[in-house]
PDB file of N, CA and C in Angstrom:
ATOM      1  N   MET A   1     -10.787   1.819   4.858  1.00  0.00           N
ATOM      2  CA  MET A   1     -11.444   0.803   4.334  1.00  0.00           C
ATOM      3  C   MET A   1     -10.440  -0.248   3.928  1.00  0.00           C
ATOM      4  N   ALA A   2     -10.749  -1.317   4.508  1.00  0.00           N
ATOM      5  CA  ALA A   2      -9.870  -2.583   4.064  1.00  0.00           C
ATOM      6  C   ALA A   2     -10.703  -3.811   3.521  1.00  0.00           C
ATOM      7  N   ALA A   3     -10.329  -4.232   2.115  1.00  0.00           N
ATOM      8  CA  ALA A   3     -11.344  -5.513   2.054  1.00  0.00           C
ATOM      9  C   ALA A   3     -10.755  -6.821   2.560  1.00  0.00           C
ATOM     10  N   PRO A   4     -11.516  -8.117   2.408  1.00  0.00           N
ATOM     11  CA  PRO A   4     -10.845  -9.121   2.644  1.00  0.00           C
ATOM     12  C   PRO A   4      -9.586  -9.552   1.876  1.00  0.00           C
ATOM     13  N   GLY A   5      -8.948 -10.250   2.707  1.00  0.00           N
ATOM     14  CA  GLY A   5      -7.426 -10.469   1.958  1.00  0.00           C
ATOM     15  C   GLY A   5      -6.332  -9.672   2.049  1.00  0.00           C
ATOM     16  N   LEU A   6      -6.313  -8.510   2.721  1.00  0.00           N
ATOM     17  CA  LEU A   6      -5.185  -7.595   2.731  1.00  0.00           C
ATOM     18  C   LEU A   6      -4.292  -8.319   3.522  1.00  0.00           C
ATOM     19  N   LYS A   7      -3.020  -7.995   2.785  1.00  0.00           N
ATOM     20  CA  LYS A   7      -1.781  -8.474   3.561  1.00  0.00           C
ATOM     21  C   LYS A   7      -1.020  -7.305   3.688  1.00  0.00           C
ATOM     22  N   ILE A   8      -0.625  -7.012   5.003  1.00  0.00           N
ATOM     23  CA  ILE A   8       0.436  -5.908   5.377  1.00  0.00           C
ATOM     24  C   ILE A   8       1.623  -6.718   6.072  1.00  0.00           C
ATOM     25  N   ALA A   9       2.912  -6.600   5.018  1.00  0.00           N
ATOM     26  CA  ALA A   9       4.144  -7.296   5.593  1.00  0.00           C
ATOM     27  C   ALA A   9       4.972  -5.914   6.200  1.00  0.00           C
ATOM     28  N   THR A  10       5.768  -6.345   7.382  1.00  0.00           N
ATOM     29  CA  THR A  10       6.563  -5.345   8.104  1.00  0.00           C
ATOM     30  C   THR A  10       7.718  -6.030   8.355  1.00  0.00           C
ATOM     31  N   ILE A  11       8.333  -7.208   7.721  1.00  0.00           N
ATOM     32  CA  ILE A  11       9.280  -7.908   7.835  1.00  0.00           C
ATOM     33  C   ILE A  11      10.004  -8.464   6.532  1.00  0.00           C
ATOM     34  N   ASN A  12      11.252  -8.418   6.171  1.00  0.00           N
ATOM     35  CA  ASN A  12      11.810  -9.138   5.204  1.00  0.00           C
ATOM     36  C   ASN A  12      12.815  -9.421   5.558  1.00  0.00           C
ATOM     37  N   HIS A  13      13.641 -10.455   4.595  1.00  0.00           N
ATOM     38  CA  HIS A  13      14.653 -11.139   4.795  1.00  0.00           C
ATOM     39  C   HIS A  13      15.863 -10.704   3.845  1.00  0.00           C
ATOM     40  N   ASP A  14      17.071 -10.621   4.278  1.00  0.00           N
ATOM     41  CA  ASP A  14      18.257 -10.263   3.322  1.00  0.00           C
ATOM     42  C   ASP A  14      18.543 -11.386   2.230  1.00  0.00           C
ATOM     43  N   MET A  15      18.615 -10.936   0.871  1.00  0.00           N
ATOM     44  CA  MET A  15      18.587 -11.824  -0.248  1.00  0.00           C
ATOM     45  C   MET A  15      19.794 -12.809   0.021  1.00  0.00           C
ATOM     46  N   TYR A  16      21.107 -12.291   0.724  1.00  0.00           N
ATOM     47  CA  TYR A  16      22.246 -13.167   0.488  1.00  0.00           C
ATOM     48  C   TYR A  16      22.404 -13.834   1.948  1.00  0.00           C
ATOM     49  N   ASP A  17      21.549 -13.383   2.755  1.00  0.00           N
ATOM     50  CA  ASP A  17      21.750 -14.043   4.351  1.00  0.00           C
ATOM     51  C   ASP A  17      20.350 -14.285   4.808  1.00  0.00           C
ATOM     52  N   ARG A  18      19.748 -15.153   3.769  1.00  0.00           N
ATOM     53  CA  ARG A  18      18.191 -15.147   4.069  1.00  0.00           C
ATOM     54  C   ARG A  18      17.627 -16.056   5.325  1.00  0.00           C
ATOM     55  N   HIS A  19      18.609 -16.795   5.917  1.00  0.00           N
ATOM     56  CA  HIS A  19      18.022 -17.391   7.024  1.00  0.00           C
ATOM     57  C   HIS A  19      18.442 -16.978   8.494  1.00  0.00           C
ATOM     58  N   ILE A  20      19.216 -15.921   8.263  1.00  0.00           N
ATOM     59  CA  ILE A  20      19.338 -15.300   9.559  1.00  0.00           C
ATOM     60  C   ILE A  20      19.255 -13.845   9.712  1.00  0.00           C
ATOM     61  N   THR A  21      19.166 -13.094   8.682  1.00  0.00           N
ATOM     62  CA  THR A  21      19.361 -11.549   8.838  1.00  0.00           C
ATOM     63  C   THR A  21      17.788 -11.095   8.289  1.00  0.00           C
ATOM     64  N   TYR A  22      17.045 -10.453   9.107  1.00  0.00           N
ATOM     65  CA  TYR A  22      15.939  -9.915   8.917  1.00  0.00           C
ATOM     66  C   TYR A  22      15.852  -8.489   8.996  1.00  0.00           C
ATOM     67  N   THR A  23      14.856  -7.806   8.130  1.00  0.00           N
ATOM     68  CA  THR A  23      14.805  -6.404   8.407  1.00  0.00           C
ATOM     69  C   THR A  23      13.496  -5.852   8.646  1.00  0.00           C
ATOM     70  N   TYR A  24      13.121  -4.785   9.270  1.00  0.00           N
ATOM     71  CA  TYR A  24      11.841  -4.648   9.842  1.00  0.00           C
ATOM     72  C   TYR A  24      11.633  -3.031   9.178  1.00  0.00           C
ATOM     73  N   ALA A  25      10.155  -2.728   8.926  1.00  0.00           N
ATOM     74  CA  ALA A  25      10.100  -1.508   8.501  1.00  0.00           C
ATOM     75  C   ALA A  25       8.611  -1.411   8.666  1.00  0.00           C
ATOM     76  N   LYS A  26       8.066  -0.181   9.322  1.00  0.00           N
ATOM     77  CA  LYS A  26       6.634   0.288   9.539  1.00  0.00           C
ATOM     78  C   LYS A  26       5.856   0.074   8.402  1.00  0.00           C
ATOM     79  N   VAL A  27       4.551   0.110   8.243  1.00  0.00           N
ATOM     80  CA  VAL A  27       3.757   0.350   7.315  1.00  0.00           C
ATOM     81  C   VAL A  27       2.762   1.559   7.941  1.00  0.00           C
ATOM     82  N   LEU A  28       2.296   2.606   7.205  1.00  0.00           N
ATOM     83  CA  LEU A  28       1.427   3.545   7.583  1.00  0.00           C
ATOM     84  C   LEU A  28       0.319   3.614   6.620  1.00  0.00           C
ATOM     85  N   ILE A  29      -0.851   3.548   7.029  1.00  0.00           N
ATOM     86  CA  ILE A  29      -1.915   3.963   6.338  1.00  0.00           C
ATOM     87  C   ILE A  29      -2.592   5.161   6.669  1.00  0.00           C
ATOM     88  N   LYS A  30      -2.712   6.033   5.942  1.00  0.00           N
ATOM     89  CA  LYS A  30      -3.338   7.332   6.671  1.00  0.00           C
ATOM     90  C   LYS A  30      -4.783   7.484   6.390  1.00  0.00           C
ATOM     91  N   ARG A  31      -5.500   8.235   6.809  1.00  0.00           N
ATOM     92  CA  ARG A  31      -7.071   8.543   7.060  1.00  0.00           C
ATOM     93  C   ARG A  31      -7.582   8.262   5.784  1.00  0.00           C
ATOM     94  N   ASN A  32      -8.615   7.518   5.784  1.00  0.00           N
ATOM     95  CA  ASN A  32      -9.529   7.165   4.725  1.00  0.00           C
ATOM     96  C   ASN A  32      -8.757   6.562   3.537  1.00  0.00           C
ATOM     97  N   ALA A  33      -7.737   5.946   3.472  1.00  0.00           N
ATOM     98  CA  ALA A  33      -7.481   5.104   2.467  1.00  0.00           C
ATOM     99  C   ALA A  33      -8.231   4.005   2.173  1.00  0.00           C
ATOM    100  N   TRP A  34      -8.504   3.591   0.922  1.00  0.00           N
ATOM    101  CA  TRP A  34      -9.053   2.334   0.889  1.00  0.00           C
ATOM    102  C   TRP A  34      -8.360   1.353  -0.093  1.00  0.00           C
ATOM    103  N   LEU A  35      -8.274   0.087   0.592  1.00  0.00           N
ATOM    104  CA  LEU A  35      -7.543  -0.820   0.076  1.00  0.00           C
ATOM    105  C   LEU A  35      -8.368  -2.007  -0.296  1.00  0.00           C
ATOM    106  N   GLY A  36      -8.010  -2.451  -1.578  1.00  0.00           N
ATOM    107  CA  GLY A  36      -9.102  -3.323  -2.220  1.00  0.00           C
ATOM    108  C   GLY A  36      -8.858  -4.796  -1.809  1.00  0.00           C
ATOM    109  N   MET A  37      -9.476  -5.774  -2.172  1.00  0.00           N
ATOM    110  CA  MET A  37      -9.423  -7.173  -2.073  1.00  0.00           C
ATOM    111  C   MET A  37      -8.101  -7.549  -2.493  1.00  0.00           C
ATOM    112  N   ASN A  38      -7.484  -8.570  -1.732  1.00  0.00           N
ATOM    113  CA  ASN A  38      -6.124  -9.427  -1.742  1.00  0.00           C
ATOM    114  C   ASN A  38      -4.959  -8.361  -1.993  1.00  0.00           C
ATOM    115  N   VAL A  39      -4.982  -7.028  -1.430  1.00  0.00           N
ATOM    116  CA  VAL A  39      -3.985  -6.164  -1.781  1.00  0.00           C
ATOM    117  C   VAL A  39      -2.723  -6.581  -0.788  1.00  0.00           C
ATOM    118  N   THR A  40      -1.364  -6.543  -1.214  1.00  0.00           N
ATOM    119  CA  THR A  40      -0.252  -6.853  -0.525  1.00  0.00           C
ATOM    120  C   THR A  40       0.357  -5.398  -0.407  1.00  0.00           C
ATOM    121  N   ILE A  41       0.706  -5.128   0.829  1.00  0.00           N
ATOM    122  CA  ILE A  41       1.488  -3.917   1.175  1.00  0.00           C
ATOM    123  C   ILE A  41       2.776  -4.373   1.938  1.00  0.00           C
ATOM    124  N   CYS A  42       4.079  -3.991   1.181  1.00  0.00           N
ATOM    125  CA  CYS A  42       5.343  -4.316   1.493  1.00  0.00           C
ATOM    126  C   CYS A  42       5.956  -3.181   2.674  1.00  0.00           C
ATOM    127  N   PRO A  43       6.939  -3.876   3.327  1.00  0.00           N
ATOM    128  CA  PRO A  43       7.416  -2.992   4.419  1.00  0.00           C
ATOM    129  C   PRO A  43       7.860  -1.724   3.990  1.00  0.00           C
ATOM    130  N   GLY A  44       7.651  -0.467   4.925  1.00  0.00           N
ATOM    131  CA  GLY A  44       8.268   0.597   4.682  1.00  0.00           C
ATOM    132  C   GLY A  44       7.452   1.656   3.948  1.00  0.00           C
ATOM    133  N   VAL A  45       6.242   1.096   3.519  1.00  0.00           N
ATOM    134  CA  VAL A  45       5.206   1.725   2.726  1.00  0.00           C
ATOM    135  C   VAL A  45       4.214   2.542   3.423  1.00  0.00           C
ATOM    136  N   THR A  46       4.093   3.942   2.791  1.00  0.00           N
ATOM    137  CA  THR A  46       2.990   4.761   3.308  1.00  0.00           C
ATOM    138  C   THR A  46       1.666   4.948   2.337  1.00  0.00           C
ATOM    139  N   VAL A  47       0.598   4.655   2.712  1.00  0.00           N
ATOM    140  CA  VAL A  47      -0.416   4.872   1.793  1.00  0.00           C
ATOM    141  C   VAL A  47      -1.219   6.222   2.209  1.00  0.00           C
ATOM    142  N   GLY A  48      -1.129   7.041   1.454  1.00  0.00           N
ATOM    143  CA  GLY A  48      -1.495   8.355   1.651  1.00  0.00           C
ATOM    144  C   GLY A  48      -3.097   8.524   1.913  1.00  0.00           C
ATOM    145  N   LYS A  49      -3.527   9.682   2.432  1.00  0.00           N
ATOM    146  CA  LYS A  49      -4.856   9.892   3.015  1.00  0.00           C
ATOM    147  C   LYS A  49      -5.884   9.909   1.612  1.00  0.00           C
ATOM    148  N   TYR A  50      -6.768   9.365   1.459  1.00  0.00           N
ATOM    149  CA  TYR A  50      -7.912   9.125   0.651  1.00  0.00           C
ATOM    150  C   TYR A  50      -7.209   8.542  -0.624  1.00  0.00           C
ATOM    151  N   ALA A  51      -6.316   7.673  -0.433  1.00  0.00           N
ATOM    152  CA  ALA A  51      -5.582   6.941  -1.571  1.00  0.00           C
ATOM    153  C   ALA A  51      -6.595   5.771  -1.653  1.00  0.00           C
ATOM    154  N   VAL A  52      -6.474   5.314  -3.073  1.00  0.00           N
ATOM    155  CA  VAL A  52      -7.193   3.976  -3.491  1.00  0.00           C
ATOM    156  C   VAL A  52      -6.260   3.216  -4.069  1.00  0.00           C
ATOM    157  N   VAL A  53      -6.116   1.629  -3.509  1.00  0.00           N
ATOM    158  CA  VAL A  53      -5.416   0.920  -3.921  1.00  0.00           C
ATOM    159  C   VAL A  53      -6.273  -0.294  -4.381  1.00  0.00           C
ATOM    160  N   ALA A  54      -6.183  -0.554  -5.841  1.00  0.00           N
ATOM    161  CA  ALA A  54      -7.053  -1.424  -6.435  1.00  0.00           C
ATOM    162  C   ALA A  54      -6.815  -3.127  -5.812  1.00  0.00           C
ATOM    163  N   ALA A  55      -7.883  -3.749  -6.341  1.00  0.00           N
ATOM    164  CA  ALA A  55      -7.827  -5.093  -5.794  1.00  0.00           C
ATOM    165  C   ALA A  55      -6.556  -5.865  -6.370  1.00  0.00           C
ATOM    166  N   GLY A  56      -5.864  -6.788  -5.644  1.00  0.00           N
ATOM    167  CA  GLY A  56      -4.835  -7.311  -6.116  1.00  0.00           C
ATOM    168  C   GLY A  56      -3.519  -6.617  -6.234  1.00  0.00           C
ATOM    169  N   ALA A  57      -3.554  -5.403  -6.243  1.00  0.00           N
ATOM    170  CA  ALA A  57      -2.203  -4.611  -6.288  1.00  0.00           C
ATOM    171  C   ALA A  57      -0.997  -4.823  -5.203  1.00  0.00           C
ATOM    172  N   VAL A  58       0.151  -5.049  -5.568  1.00  0.00           N
ATOM    173  CA  VAL A  58       1.341  -5.269  -4.657  1.00  0.00           C
ATOM    174  C   VAL A  58       1.844  -3.924  -4.705  1.00  0.00           C
ATOM    175  N   VAL A  59       1.801  -3.244  -3.476  1.00  0.00           N
ATOM    176  CA  VAL A  59       2.151  -1.969  -3.158  1.00  0.00           C
ATOM    177  C   VAL A  59       3.973  -1.906  -2.710  1.00  0.00           C
ATOM    178  N   THR A  60       4.608  -1.584  -3.374  1.00  0.00           N
ATOM    179  CA  THR A  60       6.151  -1.685  -3.126  1.00  0.00           C
ATOM    180  C   THR A  60       6.842  -0.265  -2.870  1.00  0.00           C
ATOM    181  N   LYS A  61       6.024   0.711  -3.010  1.00  0.00           N
ATOM    182  CA  LYS A  61       6.447   2.206  -2.688  1.00  0.00           C
ATOM    183  C   LYS A  61       5.254   3.111  -2.221  1.00  0.00           C
ATOM    184  N   SER A  62       5.722   3.874  -1.664  1.00  0.00           N
ATOM    185  CA  SER A  62       4.638   4.915  -1.000  1.00  0.00           C
ATOM    186  C   SER A  62       3.600   5.474  -2.045  1.00  0.00           C
ATOM    187  N   VAL A  63       2.423   5.464  -1.579  1.00  0.00           N
ATOM    188  CA  VAL A  63       1.337   6.144  -2.346  1.00  0.00           C
ATOM    189  C   VAL A  63       1.118   7.667  -1.989  1.00  0.00           C
ATOM    190  N   PRO A  64       1.064   8.671  -2.857  1.00  0.00           N
ATOM    191  CA  PRO A  64       0.640   9.948  -2.353  1.00  0.00           C
ATOM    192  C   PRO A  64      -0.780   9.924  -2.076  1.00  0.00           C
ATOM    193  N   ASP A  65      -1.012  11.053  -1.352  1.00  0.00           N
ATOM    194  CA  ASP A  65      -2.213  11.441  -0.805  1.00  0.00           C
ATOM    195  C   ASP A  65      -3.246  11.484  -2.106  1.00  0.00           C
ATOM    196  N   TYR A  66      -4.551  10.948  -2.082  1.00  0.00           N
ATOM    197  CA  TYR A  66      -5.411  11.135  -3.233  1.00  0.00           C
ATOM    198  C   TYR A  66      -5.079  10.442  -4.624  1.00  0.00           C
ATOM    199  N   ALA A  67      -4.007   9.645  -4.535  1.00  0.00           N
ATOM    200  CA  ALA A  67      -3.739   8.885  -5.640  1.00  0.00           C
ATOM    201  C   ALA A  67      -4.533   7.289  -5.756  1.00  0.00           C
ATOM    202  N   VAL A  68      -4.769   7.059  -6.968  1.00  0.00           N
ATOM    203  CA  VAL A  68      -5.275   5.675  -7.219  1.00  0.00           C
ATOM    204  C   VAL A  68      -4.346   4.663  -7.676  1.00  0.00           C
ATOM    205  N   VAL A  69      -4.172   3.675  -7.187  1.00  0.00           N
ATOM    206  CA  VAL A  69      -3.016   2.785  -7.795  1.00  0.00           C
ATOM    207  C   VAL A  69      -3.453   1.554  -8.128  1.00  0.00           C
ATOM    208  N   GLY A  70      -2.694   0.611  -8.885  1.00  0.00           N
ATOM    209  CA  GLY A  70      -3.083  -0.512  -9.071  1.00  0.00           C
ATOM    210  C   GLY A  70      -2.046  -1.181  -9.821  1.00  0.00           C
ATOM    211  N   GLY A  71      -1.918  -2.673  -9.825  1.00  0.00           N
ATOM    212  CA  GLY A  71      -1.153  -3.455 -10.543  1.00  0.00           C
ATOM    213  C   GLY A  71      -0.159  -3.984  -9.741  1.00  0.00           C
ATOM    214  N   VAL A  72       1.044  -4.978 -10.478  1.00  0.00           N
ATOM    215  CA  VAL A  72       1.861  -5.570  -9.892  1.00  0.00           C
ATOM    216  C   VAL A  72       3.314  -5.262 -10.470  1.00  0.00           C
ATOM    217  N   PRO A  73       4.042  -4.259  -9.913  1.00  0.00           N
ATOM    218  CA  PRO A  73       3.814  -3.586  -8.714  1.00  0.00           C
ATOM    219  C   PRO A  73       2.910  -2.371  -9.222  1.00  0.00           C
ATOM    220  N   ALA A  74       2.082  -2.056  -8.039  1.00  0.00           N
ATOM    221  CA  ALA A  74       1.425  -0.800  -7.947  1.00  0.00           C
ATOM    222  C   ALA A  74       1.846   0.486  -8.522  1.00  0.00           C
ATOM    223  N   ARG A  75       1.023   0.867  -9.580  1.00  0.00           N
ATOM    224  CA  ARG A  75       1.551   2.234 -10.105  1.00  0.00           C
ATOM    225  C   ARG A  75       0.431   3.289 -10.080  1.00  0.00           C
ATOM    226  N   ILE A  76       0.651   4.812 -10.183  1.00  0.00           N
ATOM    227  CA  ILE A  76      -0.385   5.477 -10.120  1.00  0.00           C
ATOM    228  C   ILE A  76      -1.142   5.380 -11.510  1.00  0.00           C
ATOM    229  N   ILE A  77      -2.553   5.389 -11.168  1.00  0.00           N
ATOM    230  CA  ILE A  77      -3.277   5.138 -12.615  1.00  0.00           C
ATOM    231  C   ILE A  77      -3.899   6.723 -12.554  1.00  0.00           C
ATOM    232  N   ARG A  78      -4.144   7.546 -11.721  1.00  0.00           N
ATOM    233  CA  ARG A  78      -5.207   8.649 -11.720  1.00  0.00           C
ATOM    234  C   ARG A  78      -4.845   9.239 -10.296  1.00  0.00           C
ATOM    235  N   CYS A  79      -5.195  10.484 -10.158  1.00  0.00           N
ATOM    236  CA  CYS A  79      -5.344  11.253  -8.935  1.00  0.00           C
ATOM    237  C   CYS A  79      -6.818  11.630  -8.552  1.00  0.00           C
ATOM    238  N   LEU A  80      -7.186  11.672  -7.519  1.00  0.00           N
ATOM    239  CA  LEU A  80      -8.656  12.038  -7.303  1.00  0.00           C
ATOM    240  C   LEU A  80      -8.456  13.478  -6.902  1.00  0.00           C
ATOM    241  N   ASN A  81      -9.454  14.458  -7.180  1.00  0.00           N
ATOM    242  CA  ASN A  81      -9.646  15.671  -6.924  1.00  0.00           C
ATOM    243  C   ASN A  81     -10.178  15.717  -5.518  1.00  0.00           C
ATOM    244  N   PRO A  82      -9.333  16.426  -4.626  1.00  0.00           N
ATOM    245  CA  PRO A  82      -9.659  16.640  -3.001  1.00  0.00           C
ATOM    246  C   PRO A  82     -10.925  17.496  -2.997  1.00  0.00           C
ATOM    247  N   GLU A  83     -11.154  18.246  -3.886  1.00  0.00           N
ATOM    248  CA  GLU A  83     -12.409  19.104  -3.671  1.00  0.00           C
ATOM    249  C   GLU A  83     -13.746  18.539  -3.936  1.00  0.00           C
ATOM    250  N   GLU A  84     -13.478  17.279  -4.539  1.00  0.00           N
ATOM    251  CA  GLU A  84     -14.843  16.607  -4.843  1.00  0.00           C
ATOM    252  C   GLU A  84     -15.056  15.729  -3.955  1.00  0.00           C
ATOM    253  N   ILE A  85     -14.397  15.119  -2.991  1.00  0.00           N
ATOM    254  CA  ILE A  85     -14.350  14.051  -1.872  1.00  0.00           C
ATOM    255  C   ILE A  85     -15.352  14.602  -1.157  1.00  0.00           C
ATOM    256  N   LYS A  86     -16.383  13.575  -0.736  1.00  0.00           N
ATOM    257  CA  LYS A  86     -17.499  14.009   0.311  1.00  0.00           C
ATOM    258  C   LYS A  86     -16.989  13.483   1.562  1.00  0.00           C
ATOM    259  N   GLU A  87     -17.195  13.809   2.818  1.00  0.00           N
ATOM    260  CA  GLU A  87     -16.542  13.320   4.043  1.00  0.00           C
ATOM    261  C   GLU A  87     -17.790  12.500   4.370  1.00  0.00           C
TER     262      GLU A  87
END
């Protein structure tokens, strides 16, 4: 699920050669991840299955399965119990 304002970046530039050198990295969003309003996901990040990303978070590192993250940069707030999730 993706809310309005979601931004997914797959390109970045070099800090020292910012006008010429670009780097690219894939972003992977796994099954049933929930991405809140105005979330930004940086290059190279994987968002795990059933993970929840709070509104306004900036995700700079991969998010484990079933984790709830939020903040700038996003940090783990808690983890969901996989046995309680209803399909």
